[in-house]
Amino acid sequence: MTTPFDENIDTQPDTDDEDVSASDTSSVADEQYRKLQQERDSLYERLARATADYQNSRKRLETEMDSRLQYANSSLIKSLLPVIDNFERALAVDLSKAHSASILKGLQVVHDQWLTVLKNQSVEVINPQPGTPFDPSQHEALMQQPSDKYKEPTVTQLLQKGYALHGRTLRPASVAVSKSN
């Protein structure tokens, strides 16, 4: 096996060139050593820069993620502001001059507006009707009612509506379920 140093070594013994040959070999070795050191230093510097770039990118992404999380609900909140405005208008009505029917009608309008905002945000109402098979992923059984009409377990009564976001249950519907006699 030959090394880069072998090429520069004179294999013929020459008494006059022995000192010159040794010094040539030494200077070539020193030059190659310096080149290797420079290459190592260059690679180390590139590695340090790449590591710093990676750390800076990671920190920037974490900051962006924190910002996104902080303002994630901003579109929902903006869409709810008109509903709040309508509630405030309803609360500002002079009760001595308003009829109860018009107040109820106004509340129904605000309620419908609220449900529209939720629907636009991909919120679905879980509203099982009597006779619907009980689904523990969407329903929460709070009580059992004896029933000859339905098999077990079937929803017999809705106690409170539930809600789901993109198909994932946020709050299950509270229901009563059938129980055999």
C-alpha atoms as a PDB file:
ATOM      1  CA  MET A   1       0.000   0.000   0.000  1.00  0.00           C
ATOM      2  CA  THR A   2       1.396   3.346  -0.968  1.00  0.00           C
ATOM      3  CA  THR A   3       0.716   6.651   0.707  1.00  0.00           C
ATOM      4  CA  PRO A   4       1.036  10.147  -0.703  1.00  0.00           C
ATOM      5  CA  PHE A   5       4.311  10.372   1.144  1.00  0.00           C
ATOM      6  CA  ASP A   6       5.754   7.302  -0.666  1.00  0.00           C
ATOM      7  CA  GLU A   7       5.794   9.066  -4.019  1.00  0.00           C
ATOM      8  CA  ASN A   8       8.172  11.705  -2.753  1.00  0.00           C
ATOM      9  CA  ILE A   9      10.642   9.307  -1.110  1.00  0.00           C
ATOM     10  CA  ASP A  10      13.704   8.581  -3.187  1.00  0.00           C
ATOM     11  CA  THR A  11      14.392   4.839  -3.004  1.00  0.00           C
ATOM     12  CA  GLN A  12      17.903   5.110  -4.526  1.00  0.00           C
ATOM     13  CA  PRO A  13      20.455   5.830  -1.861  1.00  0.00           C
ATOM     14  CA  ASP A  14      22.222   8.977  -2.895  1.00  0.00           C
ATOM     15  CA  THR A  15      24.647  10.298  -0.387  1.00  0.00           C
ATOM     16  CA  ASP A  16      24.562  13.857  -1.683  1.00  0.00           C
ATOM     17  CA  ASP A  17      20.727  14.129  -1.751  1.00  0.00           C
ATOM     18  CA  GLU A  18      19.905  12.504   1.609  1.00  0.00           C
ATOM     19  CA  ASP A  19      19.501  15.782   3.458  1.00  0.00           C
ATOM     20  CA  VAL A  20      17.570  17.374   0.594  1.00  0.00           C
ATOM     21  CA  SER A  21      15.243  14.365   0.253  1.00  0.00           C
ATOM     22  CA  ALA A  22      14.355  14.372   3.949  1.00  0.00           C
ATOM     23  CA  SER A  23      13.651  18.069   3.958  1.00  0.00           C
ATOM     24  CA  ASP A  24      11.506  17.792   0.793  1.00  0.00           C
ATOM     25  CA  THR A  25       9.483  14.983   2.328  1.00  0.00           C
ATOM     26  CA  SER A  26       9.049  16.940   5.509  1.00  0.00           C
ATOM     27  CA  SER A  27       7.864  20.070   3.691  1.00  0.00           C
ATOM     28  CA  VAL A  28       5.410  18.073   1.552  1.00  0.00           C
ATOM     29  CA  ALA A  29       4.046  16.364   4.661  1.00  0.00           C
ATOM     30  CA  ASP A  30       3.746  19.714   6.429  1.00  0.00           C
ATOM     31  CA  GLU A  31       1.912  21.199   3.429  1.00  0.00           C
ATOM     32  CA  GLN A  32      -0.513  18.284   3.270  1.00  0.00           C
ATOM     33  CA  TYR A  33      -1.065  18.493   7.023  1.00  0.00           C
ATOM     34  CA  ARG A  34      -1.892  22.216   6.735  1.00  0.00           C
ATOM     35  CA  LYS A  35      -4.328  21.515   3.870  1.00  0.00           C
ATOM     36  CA  LEU A  36      -6.059  18.852   5.921  1.00  0.00           C
ATOM     37  CA  GLN A  37      -6.272  21.213   8.887  1.00  0.00           C
ATOM     38  CA  GLN A  38      -7.773  23.943   6.657  1.00  0.00           C
ATOM     39  CA  GLU A  39     -10.268  21.482   5.215  1.00  0.00           C
ATOM     40  CA  ARG A  40     -11.174  20.285   8.729  1.00  0.00           C
ATOM     41  CA  ASP A  41     -11.596  23.881   9.923  1.00  0.00           C
ATOM     42  CA  SER A  42     -13.736  24.692   6.888  1.00  0.00           C
ATOM     43  CA  LEU A  43     -15.951  21.648   7.474  1.00  0.00           C
ATOM     44  CA  TYR A  44     -16.235  22.459  11.162  1.00  0.00           C
ATOM     45  CA  GLU A  45     -17.272  26.039  10.318  1.00  0.00           C
ATOM     46  CA  ARG A  46     -19.887  24.764   7.845  1.00  0.00           C
ATOM     47  CA  LEU A  47     -21.213  22.369  10.466  1.00  0.00           C
ATOM     48  CA  ALA A  48     -21.400  25.150  13.050  1.00  0.00           C
ATOM     49  CA  ARG A  49     -23.314  27.378  10.591  1.00  0.00           C
ATOM     50  CA  ALA A  50     -25.689  24.568   9.641  1.00  0.00           C
ATOM     51  CA  THR A  51     -26.323  23.832  13.316  1.00  0.00           C
ATOM     52  CA  ALA A  52     -26.974  27.516  14.027  1.00  0.00           C
ATOM     53  CA  ASP A  53     -29.319  27.755  11.015  1.00  0.00           C
ATOM     54  CA  TYR A  54     -31.184  24.688  12.248  1.00  0.00           C
ATOM     55  CA  GLN A  55     -31.532  26.119  15.767  1.00  0.00           C
ATOM     56  CA  ASN A  56     -32.727  29.479  14.392  1.00  0.00           C
ATOM     57  CA  SER A  57     -35.259  27.764  12.120  1.00  0.00           C
ATOM     58  CA  ARG A  58     -36.530  25.648  14.997  1.00  0.00           C
ATOM     59  CA  LYS A  59     -36.956  28.710  17.219  1.00  0.00           C
ATOM     60  CA  ARG A  60     -38.700  30.610  14.420  1.00  0.00           C
ATOM     61  CA  LEU A  61     -41.088  27.690  13.812  1.00  0.00           C
ATOM     62  CA  GLU A  62     -41.843  27.443  17.537  1.00  0.00           C
ATOM     63  CA  THR A  63     -42.596  31.177  17.644  1.00  0.00           C
ATOM     64  CA  GLU A  64     -44.847  30.890  14.592  1.00  0.00           C
ATOM     65  CA  MET A  65     -46.646  27.904  16.125  1.00  0.00           C
ATOM     66  CA  ASP A  66     -47.194  29.789  19.383  1.00  0.00           C
ATOM     67  CA  SER A  67     -48.571  32.717  17.401  1.00  0.00           C
ATOM     68  CA  ARG A  68     -50.880  30.448  15.396  1.00  0.00           C
ATOM     69  CA  LEU A  69     -52.176  28.818  18.556  1.00  0.00           C
ATOM     70  CA  GLN A  70     -52.677  32.177  20.215  1.00  0.00           C
ATOM     71  CA  TYR A  71     -54.748  33.501  17.312  1.00  0.00           C
ATOM     72  CA  ALA A  72     -56.301  30.220  16.121  1.00  0.00           C
ATOM     73  CA  ASN A  73     -59.781  31.189  17.292  1.00  0.00           C
ATOM     74  CA  SER A  74     -59.712  34.692  15.824  1.00  0.00           C
ATOM     75  CA  SER A  75     -61.993  33.779  12.877  1.00  0.00           C
ATOM     76  CA  LEU A  76     -64.482  32.147  15.254  1.00  0.00           C
ATOM     77  CA  ILE A  77     -64.439  35.151  17.554  1.00  0.00           C
ATOM     78  CA  LYS A  78     -64.904  37.559  14.623  1.00  0.00           C
ATOM     79  CA  SER A  79     -67.917  35.574  13.446  1.00  0.00           C
ATOM     80  CA  LEU A  80     -69.419  35.690  16.972  1.00  0.00           C
ATOM     81  CA  LEU A  81     -69.122  39.467  17.339  1.00  0.00           C
ATOM     82  CA  PRO A  82     -72.356  40.216  15.399  1.00  0.00           C
ATOM     83  CA  VAL A  83     -74.194  37.739  17.658  1.00  0.00           C
ATOM     84  CA  ILE A  84     -72.894  39.579  20.733  1.00  0.00           C
ATOM     85  CA  ASP A  85     -73.918  42.900  19.156  1.00  0.00           C
ATOM     86  CA  ASN A  86     -77.469  41.590  18.663  1.00  0.00           C
ATOM     87  CA  PHE A  87     -77.609  40.340  22.258  1.00  0.00           C
ATOM     88  CA  GLU A  88     -76.495  43.772  23.475  1.00  0.00           C
ATOM     89  CA  ARG A  89     -79.196  45.437  21.353  1.00  0.00           C
ATOM     90  CA  ALA A  90     -81.780  43.078  22.867  1.00  0.00           C
ATOM     91  CA  LEU A  91     -80.592  43.897  26.374  1.00  0.00           C
ATOM     92  CA  ALA A  92     -80.800  47.629  25.632  1.00  0.00           C
ATOM     93  CA  VAL A  93     -84.510  47.464  24.735  1.00  0.00           C
ATOM     94  CA  ASP A  94     -86.773  49.447  27.039  1.00  0.00           C
ATOM     95  CA  LEU A  95     -88.962  46.717  28.548  1.00  0.00           C
ATOM     96  CA  SER A  96     -91.768  49.167  29.324  1.00  0.00           C
ATOM     97  CA  LYS A  97     -92.178  49.906  25.592  1.00  0.00           C
ATOM     98  CA  ALA A  98     -91.527  46.432  24.144  1.00  0.00           C
ATOM     99  CA  HIS A  99     -93.930  43.514  23.851  1.00  0.00           C
ATOM    100  CA  SER A 100     -92.823  40.135  25.152  1.00  0.00           C
ATOM    101  CA  ALA A 101     -93.584  38.549  21.760  1.00  0.00           C
ATOM    102  CA  SER A 102     -91.175  40.894  19.982  1.00  0.00           C
ATOM    103  CA  ILE A 103     -88.480  40.213  22.601  1.00  0.00           C
ATOM    104  CA  LEU A 104     -88.909  36.446  22.117  1.00  0.00           C
ATOM    105  CA  LYS A 105     -88.818  36.912  18.341  1.00  0.00           C
ATOM    106  CA  GLY A 106     -85.561  38.870  18.681  1.00  0.00           C
ATOM    107  CA  LEU A 107     -84.060  36.155  20.888  1.00  0.00           C
ATOM    108  CA  GLN A 108     -85.058  33.545  18.287  1.00  0.00           C
ATOM    109  CA  VAL A 109     -83.271  35.576  15.591  1.00  0.00           C
ATOM    110  CA  VAL A 110     -80.113  35.755  17.741  1.00  0.00           C
ATOM    111  CA  HIS A 111     -80.370  32.009  18.485  1.00  0.00           C
ATOM    112  CA  ASP A 112     -80.647  31.207  14.776  1.00  0.00           C
ATOM    113  CA  GLN A 113     -77.727  33.521  14.035  1.00  0.00           C
ATOM    114  CA  TRP A 114     -75.686  31.735  16.706  1.00  0.00           C
ATOM    115  CA  LEU A 115     -76.440  28.308  15.190  1.00  0.00           C
ATOM    116  CA  THR A 116     -75.514  29.604  11.723  1.00  0.00           C
ATOM    117  CA  VAL A 117     -72.136  30.776  13.017  1.00  0.00           C
ATOM    118  CA  LEU A 118     -71.526  27.360  14.601  1.00  0.00           C
ATOM    119  CA  LYS A 119     -72.543  25.579  11.383  1.00  0.00           C
ATOM    120  CA  ASN A 120     -70.137  27.790   9.392  1.00  0.00           C
ATOM    121  CA  GLN A 121     -67.385  26.724  11.825  1.00  0.00           C
ATOM    122  CA  SER A 122     -68.180  23.025  11.070  1.00  0.00           C
ATOM    123  CA  VAL A 123     -69.987  22.464  14.365  1.00  0.00           C
ATOM    124  CA  GLU A 124     -72.797  19.930  14.078  1.00  0.00           C
ATOM    125  CA  VAL A 125     -75.687  19.509  16.500  1.00  0.00           C
ATOM    126  CA  ILE A 126     -76.161  16.029  17.966  1.00  0.00           C
ATOM    127  CA  ASN A 127     -79.916  15.831  18.381  1.00  0.00           C
ATOM    128  CA  PRO A 128     -81.038  12.170  18.588  1.00  0.00           C
ATOM    129  CA  GLN A 129     -84.764  11.552  18.328  1.00  0.00           C
ATOM    130  CA  PRO A 130     -86.608   8.900  20.360  1.00  0.00           C
ATOM    131  CA  GLY A 131     -86.029   5.517  18.719  1.00  0.00           C
ATOM    132  CA  THR A 132     -82.446   6.314  17.712  1.00  0.00           C
ATOM    133  CA  PRO A 133     -80.027   3.520  18.681  1.00  0.00           C
ATOM    134  CA  PHE A 134     -77.832   4.538  21.603  1.00  0.00           C
ATOM    135  CA  ASP A 135     -74.290   5.468  20.466  1.00  0.00           C
ATOM    136  CA  PRO A 136     -71.856   5.941  23.382  1.00  0.00           C
ATOM    137  CA  SER A 137     -69.513   7.992  21.171  1.00  0.00           C
ATOM    138  CA  GLN A 138     -72.255  10.614  20.681  1.00  0.00           C
ATOM    139  CA  HIS A 139     -74.682  10.060  23.538  1.00  0.00           C
ATOM    140  CA  GLU A 140     -74.412  10.069  27.311  1.00  0.00           C
ATOM    141  CA  ALA A 141     -77.062   8.026  29.092  1.00  0.00           C
ATOM    142  CA  LEU A 142     -78.144   9.880  32.215  1.00  0.00           C
ATOM    143  CA  MET A 143     -81.101   7.687  33.051  1.00  0.00           C
ATOM    144  CA  GLN A 144     -82.996   4.578  32.020  1.00  0.00           C
ATOM    145  CA  GLN A 145     -86.704   4.458  31.312  1.00  0.00           C
ATOM    146  CA  PRO A 146     -88.754   1.278  31.184  1.00  0.00           C
ATOM    147  CA  SER A 147     -90.073   0.761  27.654  1.00  0.00           C
ATOM    148  CA  ASP A 148     -91.928  -1.966  25.796  1.00  0.00           C
ATOM    149  CA  LYS A 149     -91.699   0.104  22.604  1.00  0.00           C
ATOM    150  CA  TYR A 150     -87.881   0.093  22.143  1.00  0.00           C
ATOM    151  CA  LYS A 151     -85.191  -2.559  22.410  1.00  0.00           C
ATOM    152  CA  GLU A 152     -82.264  -1.946  24.740  1.00  0.00           C
ATOM    153  CA  PRO A 153     -80.447   0.439  24.510  1.00  0.00           C
ATOM    154  CA  THR A 154     -82.401   2.975  22.494  1.00  0.00           C
ATOM    155  CA  VAL A 155     -82.812   6.710  23.039  1.00  0.00           C
ATOM    156  CA  THR A 156     -86.223   7.378  24.581  1.00  0.00           C
ATOM    157  CA  GLN A 157     -85.792  11.074  25.410  1.00  0.00           C
ATOM    158  CA  LEU A 158     -83.362  13.900  24.625  1.00  0.00           C
ATOM    159  CA  LEU A 159     -82.365  15.771  27.771  1.00  0.00           C
ATOM    160  CA  GLN A 160     -79.697  18.081  26.265  1.00  0.00           C
ATOM    161  CA  LYS A 161     -78.314  18.463  22.747  1.00  0.00           C
ATOM    162  CA  GLY A 162     -74.732  17.572  22.026  1.00  0.00           C
ATOM    163  CA  TYR A 163     -72.233  19.088  19.596  1.00  0.00           C
ATOM    164  CA  ALA A 164     -69.480  17.762  17.338  1.00  0.00           C
ATOM    165  CA  LEU A 165     -66.671  19.549  15.497  1.00  0.00           C
ATOM    166  CA  HIS A 166     -65.621  17.975  12.182  1.00  0.00           C
ATOM    167  CA  GLY A 167     -67.212  14.706  13.319  1.00  0.00           C
ATOM    168  CA  ARG A 168     -65.476  14.646  16.716  1.00  0.00           C
ATOM    169  CA  THR A 169     -67.833  14.869  19.678  1.00  0.00           C
ATOM    170  CA  LEU A 170     -67.263  18.004  21.742  1.00  0.00           C
ATOM    171  CA  ARG A 171     -70.139  17.336  24.112  1.00  0.00           C
ATOM    172  CA  PRO A 172     -72.281  14.211  23.907  1.00  0.00           C
ATOM    173  CA  ALA A 173     -76.049  14.546  23.838  1.00  0.00           C
ATOM    174  CA  SER A 174     -77.568  13.769  27.241  1.00  0.00           C
ATOM    175  CA  VAL A 175     -80.277  11.161  26.787  1.00  0.00           C
ATOM    176  CA  ALA A 176     -82.549   8.729  28.541  1.00  0.00           C
ATOM    177  CA  VAL A 177     -82.330   5.165  27.229  1.00  0.00           C
ATOM    178  CA  SER A 178     -84.760   2.287  27.168  1.00  0.00           C
ATOM    179  CA  LYS A 179     -84.767  -0.457  29.749  1.00  0.00           C
ATOM    180  CA  SER A 180     -86.746  -3.672  29.518  1.00  0.00           C
ATOM    181  CA  ASN A 181     -89.472  -4.188  32.098  1.00  0.00           C
END
